[in-house]
Amino acid sequence: MSPSSTCSRQSAIRNSLSRRDLLRLAAAGVCATSASGWLPVLASHAAQAAADGVRHKSCILLYMSGGPSHIDTFDLKHDSETGTEFESIATSVPGIEISEHMPKIARLMHHGAIIRSMNTVESDHDRGRYLMHTGYARSNGGVPYPSLGAIVSSELGQAGSLLPNFVVCNLHDRLDPTFTGYLGPEHRGLVLENLDKGLEDVEPVVNQEELDDRLDLLTQLDDAFRGKYRARSTAAHQANYRRSVDLMRADKLKAFDLSLEPASSRSRYTPRESFDPKNPRSSGSRDFGKGCLLARRLVEVGVPFVEVVLQSWDTHSDNFPQTRLLSEALDPAMSALIEDLKDRGLLDSTLVVWMGEFGRTPKFENTVKDRGPGRGHFGRAWSTVLMGGGIKGGQVIGRTDKIGGAVEDRPVTAADFMATVCEILGIDCRKVNEGPGGRTVRLTDKAAEPIRELLPA
């Protein structure tokens, strides 16, 4: 295109746009990316990672929203009055047993470790979610702490990456785990609610020629503004929008498209045929399998942190049928994820974390009339699971009493757990960052003690 025709087209565009339209030129073709609450990170703010070609570790967090019953999953108790009705089955590690409804996970237990002595005390959903995502209590000093995903984005994210460093799948909770605290908005996670649609609306809304013209015009406007006011934020905006356009053209976007995965592979991540997807208690369970598959695809192309949510573990009533259905959704998805990571040589470099915000009470309750017995919120003794990441697998950490109501050996706090995850990922849990008002803040609480026997050699 000749310079004169370019000027003519830009003039026409300028004349056809209102002032408000000019301010929104940045959204030319990238409006959905902005609406998702995420723009590609700026090189000036992102952590310098992978510059030497060494693959850093990744983390996939499988978050069991609502709080799963440890007594009915990974720390079965068969006390006649309060115990589980599920049978215990052997795993690939002699002496370690888990629920009968997770047979595929049982065969992979040599890759992981069960922490049966979580002792966080917190039994409120929102406060428990915050505690387990940050390692800090919400009211601790009034500091806005970052979630684990934001920490990984900051510490392990690739500078200038066209892909997000932090992705969350199936988020429908009141607490958004993408909060970045003192680390800043550039480490906010990209939330995907409909995995069948992948990364939505990244196609330009105009043809390529007009898109280029609009971006050129935007650059001219920003250059003029920056020349007059010396505003660094203008350059930052320019970099953001240019990166967004580059993202639309990136081949790695295909990682978000699950339709490119063979049907045989997709089926491995979903519940058995008898699983009823119309049952309200199993809402979102099939999406959990899709989320695990997407997490594997994203880790393969270099995304360092993906969180996948499985809803409905808040079993105040019908504890046994609900836990059974959720376990039967968890089993194929989590096991297929571990197997695929292993087959692709990614398991040692990818830590898979299984956790909720707390466990459930040994004592039965029933808060809904004409429903089966349930279990209440319980933070004094419960379980989490770690797999892969180069950890020393085939272990059980800690022990609860005969009814799962108290920790008898090796209590692990939320701060200990966060410190352990950070150290496994190669992040210094004692690192000091600059917080609000210039005050210094440790990445994890100073009392935190990583579980040393799990750490890679």
Protein backbone atom coordinates (compact mmCIF):
# COMPACT_ATOMS: atom_id res chain seq x y z
CA MET A 1 0.00 0.00 0.00
CA SER A 2 1.40 3.46 -0.89
CA PRO A 3 2.04 6.10 1.79
CA SER A 4 -0.69 8.32 0.36
CA SER A 5 -3.29 5.56 0.42
CA THR A 6 -2.23 4.63 3.94
CA CYS A 7 -2.70 8.23 5.09
CA SER A 8 -6.03 8.37 3.31
CA ARG A 9 -7.26 5.19 4.99
CA GLN A 10 -6.05 6.39 8.40
CA SER A 11 -7.77 9.74 7.90
CA ALA A 12 -10.99 7.96 6.99
CA ILE A 13 -10.72 5.79 10.05
CA ARG A 14 -9.94 8.81 12.25
CA ASN A 15 -12.89 10.78 10.91
CA SER A 16 -15.29 7.88 11.40
CA LEU A 17 -14.37 7.34 15.04
CA SER A 18 -15.50 9.29 18.07
CA ARG A 19 -13.10 10.24 20.87
CA ARG A 20 -14.43 7.27 22.82
CA ASP A 21 -13.72 5.02 19.84
CA LEU A 22 -10.15 6.29 19.69
CA LEU A 23 -9.67 5.41 23.33
CA ARG A 24 -10.97 1.95 22.54
CA LEU A 25 -8.78 1.38 19.52
CA ALA A 26 -6.65 -0.80 21.72
CA ALA A 27 -9.43 -3.35 21.60
CA ALA A 28 -9.18 -3.76 17.85
CA GLY A 29 -9.51 -7.50 17.57
CA VAL A 30 -8.44 -8.24 21.14
CA CYS A 31 -11.51 -7.24 23.15
CA ALA A 32 -12.17 -10.74 24.46
CA THR A 33 -8.66 -11.09 25.80
CA SER A 34 -9.19 -7.91 27.80
CA ALA A 35 -12.61 -9.10 28.97
CA SER A 36 -11.06 -12.27 30.32
CA GLY A 37 -9.14 -10.17 32.82
CA TRP A 38 -5.76 -10.91 31.29
CA LEU A 39 -3.34 -9.32 28.85
CA PRO A 40 0.02 -10.84 27.95
CA VAL A 41 2.69 -9.94 30.48
CA LEU A 42 5.03 -7.05 29.83
CA ALA A 43 8.68 -7.87 29.39
CA SER A 44 9.56 -5.04 31.76
CA HIS A 45 7.63 -6.66 34.60
CA ALA A 46 7.81 -10.39 33.95
CA ALA A 47 10.39 -12.54 35.67
CA GLN A 48 13.35 -13.39 33.49
CA ALA A 49 12.96 -17.15 32.96
CA ALA A 50 13.98 -19.76 30.44
CA ALA A 51 16.45 -17.34 28.85
CA ASP A 52 19.17 -19.94 29.15
CA GLY A 53 17.03 -22.62 27.47
CA VAL A 54 16.63 -24.63 30.68
CA ARG A 55 13.09 -25.87 31.26
CA HIS A 56 11.76 -24.64 34.57
CA LYS A 57 9.19 -26.62 36.51
CA SER A 58 5.46 -26.25 36.08
CA CYS A 59 2.57 -26.75 38.49
CA ILE A 60 -0.95 -28.07 37.93
CA LEU A 61 -3.25 -27.45 40.88
CA LEU A 62 -6.31 -29.69 41.05
CA TYR A 63 -8.58 -27.76 43.38
CA MET A 64 -11.43 -29.64 45.07
CA SER A 65 -13.81 -26.78 45.82
CA GLY A 66 -15.89 -27.22 48.95
CA GLY A 67 -13.50 -29.43 50.90
CA PRO A 68 -13.31 -33.20 50.27
CA SER A 69 -13.71 -35.69 53.08
CA HIS A 70 -10.29 -37.14 53.87
CA ILE A 71 -12.03 -39.99 55.68
CA ASP A 72 -13.67 -41.07 52.42
CA THR A 73 -10.78 -40.48 49.96
CA PHE A 74 -7.11 -40.66 50.98
CA ASP A 75 -7.27 -41.40 54.73
CA LEU A 76 -10.08 -43.93 55.11
CA LYS A 77 -11.37 -44.68 58.60
CA HIS A 78 -13.73 -47.55 59.32
CA ASP A 79 -14.89 -46.65 62.81
CA SER A 80 -18.38 -48.10 63.27
CA GLU A 81 -20.00 -44.79 64.23
CA THR A 82 -18.21 -42.16 62.17
CA GLY A 83 -16.19 -43.98 59.52
CA THR A 84 -16.59 -44.41 55.79
CA GLU A 85 -18.79 -46.91 54.03
CA PHE A 86 -16.21 -47.22 51.25
CA GLU A 87 -13.70 -50.04 51.06
CA SER A 88 -9.95 -49.45 51.17
CA ILE A 89 -7.88 -50.72 48.25
CA ALA A 90 -4.17 -51.33 47.91
CA THR A 91 -2.05 -48.95 45.87
CA SER A 92 1.21 -49.41 43.95
CA VAL A 93 3.00 -48.75 47.25
CA PRO A 94 2.77 -51.58 49.81
CA GLY A 95 1.00 -50.41 52.95
CA ILE A 96 -0.68 -47.36 51.40
CA GLU A 97 -4.43 -47.70 50.84
CA ILE A 98 -7.02 -45.27 49.46
CA SER A 99 -10.72 -45.31 48.46
CA GLU A 100 -12.09 -48.07 46.24
CA HIS A 101 -13.50 -45.37 43.94
CA MET A 102 -10.02 -44.24 42.86
CA PRO A 103 -8.45 -47.45 41.47
CA LYS A 104 -6.54 -45.74 38.66
CA ILE A 105 -4.96 -43.23 41.01
CA ALA A 106 -4.09 -46.12 43.32
CA ARG A 107 -1.95 -47.67 40.59
CA LEU A 108 0.09 -44.46 40.34
CA MET A 109 0.73 -43.79 44.01
CA HIS A 110 4.44 -44.54 43.64
CA HIS A 111 4.64 -41.21 41.82
CA GLY A 112 3.13 -39.30 44.72
CA ALA A 113 2.79 -38.64 48.41
CA ILE A 114 -0.24 -38.27 50.65
CA ILE A 115 0.00 -35.65 53.39
CA ARG A 116 -2.49 -36.94 55.96
CA SER A 117 -1.67 -34.48 58.72
CA MET A 118 -2.85 -31.13 57.38
CA ASN A 119 -3.65 -28.97 60.39
CA THR A 120 -4.91 -25.56 59.27
CA VAL A 121 -7.76 -25.02 61.78
CA GLU A 122 -9.61 -22.72 59.35
CA SER A 123 -13.10 -24.04 58.53
CA ASP A 124 -14.67 -21.16 56.59
CA HIS A 125 -14.80 -21.69 52.82
CA ASP A 126 -13.52 -18.30 51.66
CA ARG A 127 -10.90 -17.95 54.36
CA GLY A 128 -9.79 -21.54 53.83
CA ARG A 129 -9.43 -21.02 50.07
CA TYR A 130 -7.39 -17.89 50.64
CA LEU A 131 -5.22 -19.62 53.25
CA MET A 132 -4.44 -22.62 51.06
CA HIS A 133 -3.81 -20.50 47.95
CA THR A 134 -1.44 -18.07 49.70
CA GLY A 135 -0.11 -19.78 52.82
CA TYR A 136 -1.26 -16.77 54.86
CA ALA A 137 -4.44 -15.99 56.80
CA ARG A 138 -6.50 -13.28 55.15
CA SER A 139 -6.18 -10.84 58.07
CA ASN A 140 -2.45 -11.36 58.61
CA GLY A 141 -1.08 -7.80 58.83
CA GLY A 142 -3.47 -6.44 56.22
CA VAL A 143 -1.06 -7.38 53.41
CA PRO A 144 -2.69 -8.49 50.12
CA TYR A 145 -0.88 -11.77 49.49
CA PRO A 146 -0.55 -13.36 46.04
CA SER A 147 -2.05 -16.72 45.15
CA LEU A 148 0.18 -19.65 44.25
CA GLY A 149 -0.52 -19.11 40.55
CA ALA A 150 0.63 -15.50 40.74
CA ILE A 151 3.77 -16.57 42.63
CA VAL A 152 4.62 -19.13 39.95
CA SER A 153 3.92 -16.56 37.23
CA SER A 154 6.27 -14.10 38.90
CA GLU A 155 9.04 -16.58 39.70
CA LEU A 156 8.90 -19.01 36.78
CA GLY A 157 6.97 -17.20 34.05
CA GLN A 158 8.64 -16.51 30.74
CA ALA A 159 9.54 -12.91 30.01
CA GLY A 160 7.66 -11.69 26.97
CA SER A 161 5.72 -14.93 26.55
CA LEU A 162 2.84 -14.77 24.08
CA LEU A 163 0.93 -17.25 26.25
CA PRO A 164 -0.35 -16.58 29.77
CA ASN A 165 1.79 -17.77 32.65
CA PHE A 166 -1.26 -18.54 34.80
CA VAL A 167 -4.55 -20.16 33.69
CA VAL A 168 -7.63 -21.21 35.69
CA CYS A 169 -10.23 -23.67 34.33
CA ASN A 170 -13.85 -24.14 35.45
CA LEU A 171 -13.91 -21.27 37.92
CA HIS A 172 -17.37 -20.64 39.39
CA ASP A 173 -16.45 -19.87 42.98
CA ARG A 174 -16.95 -16.76 45.02
CA LEU A 175 -13.21 -16.53 45.55
CA ASP A 176 -11.24 -15.85 42.41
CA PRO A 177 -7.82 -17.54 42.83
CA THR A 178 -6.23 -15.26 40.25
CA PHE A 179 -5.56 -12.51 42.82
CA THR A 180 -2.02 -11.22 42.60
CA GLY A 181 -1.62 -9.33 45.87
CA TYR A 182 1.53 -7.24 46.06
CA LEU A 183 2.97 -8.83 42.88
CA GLY A 184 0.90 -6.68 40.56
CA PRO A 185 -1.77 -7.21 37.87
CA GLU A 186 0.67 -8.50 35.25
CA HIS A 187 0.60 -11.84 37.08
CA ARG A 188 -3.17 -12.21 37.08
CA GLY A 189 -4.50 -15.49 35.75
CA LEU A 190 -6.52 -16.06 32.59
CA VAL A 191 -9.90 -17.57 33.52
CA LEU A 192 -11.48 -20.09 31.13
CA GLU A 193 -15.07 -21.02 31.93
CA ASN A 194 -16.08 -22.82 28.72
CA LEU A 195 -13.32 -25.19 27.74
CA ASP A 196 -15.13 -26.34 24.59
CA LYS A 197 -14.65 -22.84 23.19
CA GLY A 198 -10.99 -22.59 24.12
CA LEU A 199 -9.54 -19.08 24.12
CA GLU A 200 -12.58 -17.21 22.87
CA ASP A 201 -12.85 -14.27 20.45
CA VAL A 202 -9.20 -13.91 19.55
CA GLU A 203 -9.95 -13.61 15.84
CA PRO A 204 -9.69 -9.99 14.60
CA VAL A 205 -13.05 -8.25 14.17
CA VAL A 206 -11.72 -6.55 11.04
CA ASN A 207 -9.59 -7.76 8.15
CA GLN A 208 -5.83 -7.87 8.56
CA GLU A 209 -5.19 -4.72 6.51
CA GLU A 210 -7.56 -2.60 8.55
CA LEU A 211 -6.27 -4.10 11.80
CA ASP A 212 -2.73 -3.05 10.84
CA ASP A 213 -3.96 0.44 9.97
CA ARG A 214 -5.76 0.81 13.28
CA LEU A 215 -2.70 -0.30 15.19
CA ASP A 216 -0.54 2.13 13.23
CA LEU A 217 -2.95 4.95 14.06
CA LEU A 218 -2.97 3.96 17.71
CA THR A 219 0.83 3.99 17.72
CA GLN A 220 0.87 7.49 16.25
CA LEU A 221 -1.57 8.74 18.89
CA ASP A 222 0.40 7.14 21.69
CA ASP A 223 3.70 8.42 20.32
CA ALA A 224 2.32 11.94 20.27
CA PHE A 225 0.98 11.61 23.80
CA ARG A 226 4.21 10.10 25.07
CA GLY A 227 6.28 12.82 23.37
CA LYS A 228 4.25 15.48 25.12
CA TYR A 229 3.81 13.94 28.56
CA ARG A 230 6.70 11.46 28.76
CA ALA A 231 4.26 8.84 30.08
CA ARG A 232 5.85 5.41 30.45
CA SER A 233 2.40 3.88 30.67
CA THR A 234 1.85 4.70 27.00
CA ALA A 235 4.77 2.52 25.95
CA ALA A 236 3.44 -0.19 28.22
CA HIS A 237 0.04 -0.01 26.53
CA GLN A 238 1.64 -0.19 23.12
CA ALA A 239 3.59 -3.29 24.12
CA ASN A 240 0.45 -4.89 25.53
CA TYR A 241 -1.62 -4.44 22.40
CA ARG A 242 1.17 -5.47 20.08
CA ARG A 243 1.64 -8.62 22.13
CA SER A 244 -2.10 -9.28 22.04
CA VAL A 245 -2.02 -9.10 18.26
CA ASP A 246 0.98 -11.42 18.20
CA LEU A 247 -0.95 -13.80 20.45
CA MET A 248 -3.78 -13.98 17.90
CA ARG A 249 -1.26 -15.13 15.31
CA ALA A 250 0.63 -17.57 17.57
CA ASP A 251 0.66 -21.25 16.61
CA LYS A 252 0.71 -22.13 20.31
CA LEU A 253 -2.91 -20.97 20.58
CA LYS A 254 -3.77 -24.40 19.24
CA ALA A 255 -2.98 -25.72 22.72
CA PHE A 256 -6.30 -24.25 23.89
CA ASP A 257 -8.29 -26.17 21.25
CA LEU A 258 -9.33 -29.52 22.74
CA SER A 259 -10.91 -30.59 19.45
CA LEU A 260 -7.39 -31.16 18.15
CA GLU A 261 -6.89 -33.91 20.72
CA PRO A 262 -7.74 -37.45 19.49
CA ALA A 263 -11.10 -38.75 20.70
CA SER A 264 -9.39 -41.74 22.30
CA SER A 265 -7.28 -39.38 24.38
CA ARG A 266 -10.20 -37.17 25.41
CA SER A 267 -12.23 -40.18 26.54
CA ARG A 268 -9.52 -41.24 29.00
CA TYR A 269 -10.06 -38.09 31.03
CA THR A 270 -13.83 -38.43 31.47
CA PRO A 271 -15.93 -40.52 33.89
CA ARG A 272 -17.16 -44.01 33.07
CA GLU A 273 -20.28 -44.38 30.92
CA SER A 274 -22.59 -45.02 33.87
CA PHE A 275 -21.69 -41.61 35.32
CA ASP A 276 -24.78 -39.39 35.02
CA PRO A 277 -23.82 -35.93 33.74
CA LYS A 278 -27.40 -34.69 34.35
CA ASN A 279 -27.14 -35.34 38.06
CA PRO A 280 -26.87 -31.90 39.74
CA ARG A 281 -24.22 -33.26 42.09
CA SER A 282 -21.98 -34.11 39.19
CA SER A 283 -22.28 -30.69 37.56
CA GLY A 284 -18.94 -29.69 36.13
CA SER A 285 -17.36 -33.10 36.64
CA ARG A 286 -16.93 -33.81 32.95
CA ASP A 287 -15.51 -30.33 32.56
CA PHE A 288 -12.94 -31.26 35.17
CA GLY A 289 -11.63 -33.97 32.84
CA LYS A 290 -11.45 -31.44 30.03
CA GLY A 291 -9.60 -29.09 32.34
CA CYS A 292 -7.01 -31.72 33.20
CA LEU A 293 -6.48 -32.46 29.52
CA LEU A 294 -6.14 -28.76 28.75
CA ALA A 295 -3.67 -28.40 31.64
CA ARG A 296 -1.48 -31.08 30.10
CA ARG A 297 -1.62 -29.37 26.70
CA LEU A 298 -0.74 -25.98 28.19
CA VAL A 299 2.17 -27.32 30.22
CA GLU A 300 3.49 -28.91 27.04
CA VAL A 301 3.76 -25.50 25.36
CA GLY A 302 5.36 -23.83 28.37
CA VAL A 303 2.55 -22.44 30.56
CA PRO A 304 4.00 -22.75 34.09
CA PHE A 305 0.80 -22.80 36.18
CA VAL A 306 -2.70 -24.16 35.55
CA GLU A 307 -5.45 -24.55 38.14
CA VAL A 308 -8.37 -26.90 37.43
CA VAL A 309 -11.42 -26.73 39.68
CA LEU A 310 -13.76 -29.61 40.57
CA GLN A 311 -16.89 -28.29 42.28
CA SER A 312 -19.39 -29.64 44.82
CA TRP A 313 -17.29 -31.27 47.57
CA ASP A 314 -19.31 -29.43 50.25
CA THR A 315 -21.01 -32.58 51.53
CA HIS A 316 -23.25 -31.41 54.39
CA SER A 317 -25.73 -34.05 53.24
CA ASP A 318 -25.56 -37.15 51.05
CA ASN A 319 -21.86 -37.35 51.80
CA PHE A 320 -21.35 -40.89 50.49
CA PRO A 321 -23.15 -40.73 47.11
CA GLN A 322 -21.76 -37.28 46.39
CA THR A 323 -18.19 -38.23 47.32
CA ARG A 324 -18.49 -41.42 45.26
CA LEU A 325 -19.60 -39.50 42.14
CA LEU A 326 -16.88 -36.89 42.54
CA SER A 327 -14.22 -39.54 43.16
CA GLU A 328 -15.32 -41.38 40.03
CA ALA A 329 -14.89 -38.12 38.08
CA LEU A 330 -11.52 -37.42 39.72
CA ASP A 331 -10.06 -40.88 39.15
CA PRO A 332 -9.89 -41.00 35.32
CA ALA A 333 -8.96 -37.33 34.94
CA MET A 334 -6.15 -37.20 37.48
CA SER A 335 -4.74 -40.61 36.50
CA ALA A 336 -4.80 -39.79 32.77
CA LEU A 337 -3.04 -36.51 33.52
CA ILE A 338 -0.27 -38.25 35.48
CA GLU A 339 0.13 -40.98 32.84
CA ASP A 340 0.27 -38.50 29.97
CA LEU A 341 2.82 -36.33 31.74
CA LYS A 342 4.90 -39.43 32.40
CA ASP A 343 4.67 -40.65 28.80
CA ARG A 344 5.73 -37.23 27.51
CA GLY A 345 8.69 -36.94 29.85
CA LEU A 346 7.04 -34.06 31.75
CA LEU A 347 6.14 -35.64 35.09
CA ASP A 348 9.44 -34.92 36.81
CA SER A 349 9.20 -31.27 35.78
CA THR A 350 5.48 -30.88 36.57
CA LEU A 351 4.15 -30.91 40.12
CA VAL A 352 0.50 -31.95 40.39
CA VAL A 353 -1.17 -30.72 43.59
CA TRP A 354 -4.49 -32.13 44.84
CA MET A 355 -6.16 -30.11 47.59
CA GLY A 356 -9.30 -28.45 48.89
CA GLU A 357 -9.72 -25.75 51.53
CA PHE A 358 -10.14 -28.23 54.41
CA GLY A 359 -11.44 -31.73 55.20
CA ARG A 360 -14.73 -32.95 56.68
CA THR A 361 -15.81 -33.86 60.19
CA PRO A 362 -15.72 -37.44 61.47
CA LYS A 363 -19.08 -36.74 63.07
CA PHE A 364 -22.06 -37.08 60.76
CA GLU A 365 -24.59 -34.31 60.29
CA ASN A 366 -27.62 -33.76 58.12
CA THR A 367 -28.56 -30.17 57.35
CA VAL A 368 -31.05 -31.02 54.60
CA LYS A 369 -34.29 -32.85 55.35
CA ASP A 370 -34.84 -36.22 53.65
CA ARG A 371 -31.21 -36.42 52.55
CA GLY A 372 -28.48 -38.80 53.63
CA PRO A 373 -25.89 -38.07 56.32
CA GLY A 374 -23.24 -35.46 55.63
CA ARG A 375 -20.03 -34.12 57.12
CA GLY A 376 -19.23 -30.57 58.24
CA HIS A 377 -16.22 -28.33 57.62
CA PHE A 378 -13.06 -29.53 59.35
CA GLY A 379 -9.61 -27.91 59.36
CA ARG A 380 -7.96 -29.70 62.28
CA ALA A 381 -6.99 -32.87 60.41
CA TRP A 382 -7.23 -33.58 56.68
CA SER A 383 -5.31 -34.64 53.55
CA THR A 384 -3.59 -33.25 50.48
CA VAL A 385 -1.71 -35.10 47.72
CA LEU A 386 1.39 -34.24 45.68
CA MET A 387 2.47 -36.10 42.54
CA GLY A 388 5.35 -35.67 40.11
CA GLY A 389 7.61 -32.64 40.22
CA GLY A 390 10.60 -34.83 40.98
CA ILE A 391 9.42 -35.49 44.56
CA LYS A 392 10.36 -38.61 46.45
CA GLY A 393 7.14 -40.51 45.88
CA GLY A 394 5.52 -43.52 47.49
CA GLN A 395 5.22 -41.83 50.88
CA VAL A 396 2.65 -40.93 53.49
CA ILE A 397 3.41 -37.88 55.60
CA GLY A 398 1.81 -37.70 59.03
CA ARG A 399 -0.97 -39.65 60.70
CA THR A 400 -4.43 -38.97 62.12
CA ASP A 401 -6.20 -40.79 64.95
CA LYS A 402 -8.56 -43.73 64.47
CA ILE A 403 -11.52 -41.53 63.47
CA GLY A 404 -9.61 -38.88 61.47
CA GLY A 405 -10.40 -36.19 64.02
CA ALA A 406 -6.93 -35.18 65.18
CA VAL A 407 -3.36 -35.21 63.93
CA GLU A 408 -1.24 -37.68 65.88
CA ASP A 409 2.03 -37.27 63.99
CA ARG A 410 3.73 -34.52 61.97
CA PRO A 411 1.18 -31.67 61.73
CA VAL A 412 1.51 -29.65 58.51
CA THR A 413 0.25 -26.06 58.36
CA ALA A 414 -0.86 -24.16 55.28
CA ALA A 415 2.42 -22.22 55.45
CA ASP A 416 4.39 -25.49 55.59
CA PHE A 417 2.45 -26.79 52.61
CA MET A 418 3.04 -23.62 50.57
CA ALA A 419 6.75 -23.66 51.44
CA THR A 420 6.96 -27.31 50.34
CA VAL A 421 5.28 -26.62 47.00
CA CYS A 422 7.55 -23.62 46.36
CA GLU A 423 10.71 -25.57 47.15
CA ILE A 424 9.67 -28.48 44.92
CA LEU A 425 9.18 -25.99 42.09
CA GLY A 426 12.60 -24.47 42.67
CA ILE A 427 11.24 -21.27 44.24
CA ASP A 428 12.99 -20.00 47.36
CA CYS A 429 10.21 -20.00 49.97
CA ARG A 430 12.25 -17.57 52.12
CA LYS A 431 12.51 -14.95 49.39
CA VAL A 432 11.66 -11.43 50.52
CA ASN A 433 9.57 -9.21 48.25
CA GLU A 434 8.59 -5.57 48.44
CA GLY A 435 5.04 -5.24 49.66
CA PRO A 436 2.67 -2.29 50.12
CA GLY A 437 4.28 0.93 51.31
CA GLY A 438 7.76 -0.41 50.70
CA ARG A 439 7.55 -2.93 53.52
CA THR A 440 9.26 -6.28 53.04
CA VAL A 441 7.19 -9.46 52.89
CA ARG A 442 8.39 -13.06 52.87
CA LEU A 443 7.05 -15.32 50.15
CA THR A 444 5.98 -17.74 52.90
CA ASP A 445 5.56 -17.19 56.62
CA LYS A 446 8.79 -17.19 58.62
CA ALA A 447 7.50 -20.13 60.68
CA ALA A 448 6.98 -22.28 57.58
CA GLU A 449 8.94 -25.52 57.37
CA PRO A 450 9.07 -27.39 54.04
CA ILE A 451 8.57 -31.15 54.21
CA ARG A 452 12.19 -32.04 53.56
CA GLU A 453 11.69 -35.76 52.92
CA LEU A 454 9.57 -34.92 49.86
CA LEU A 455 12.00 -32.52 48.22
CA PRO A 456 13.92 -33.63 45.14
CA ALA A 457 17.51 -34.60 45.79
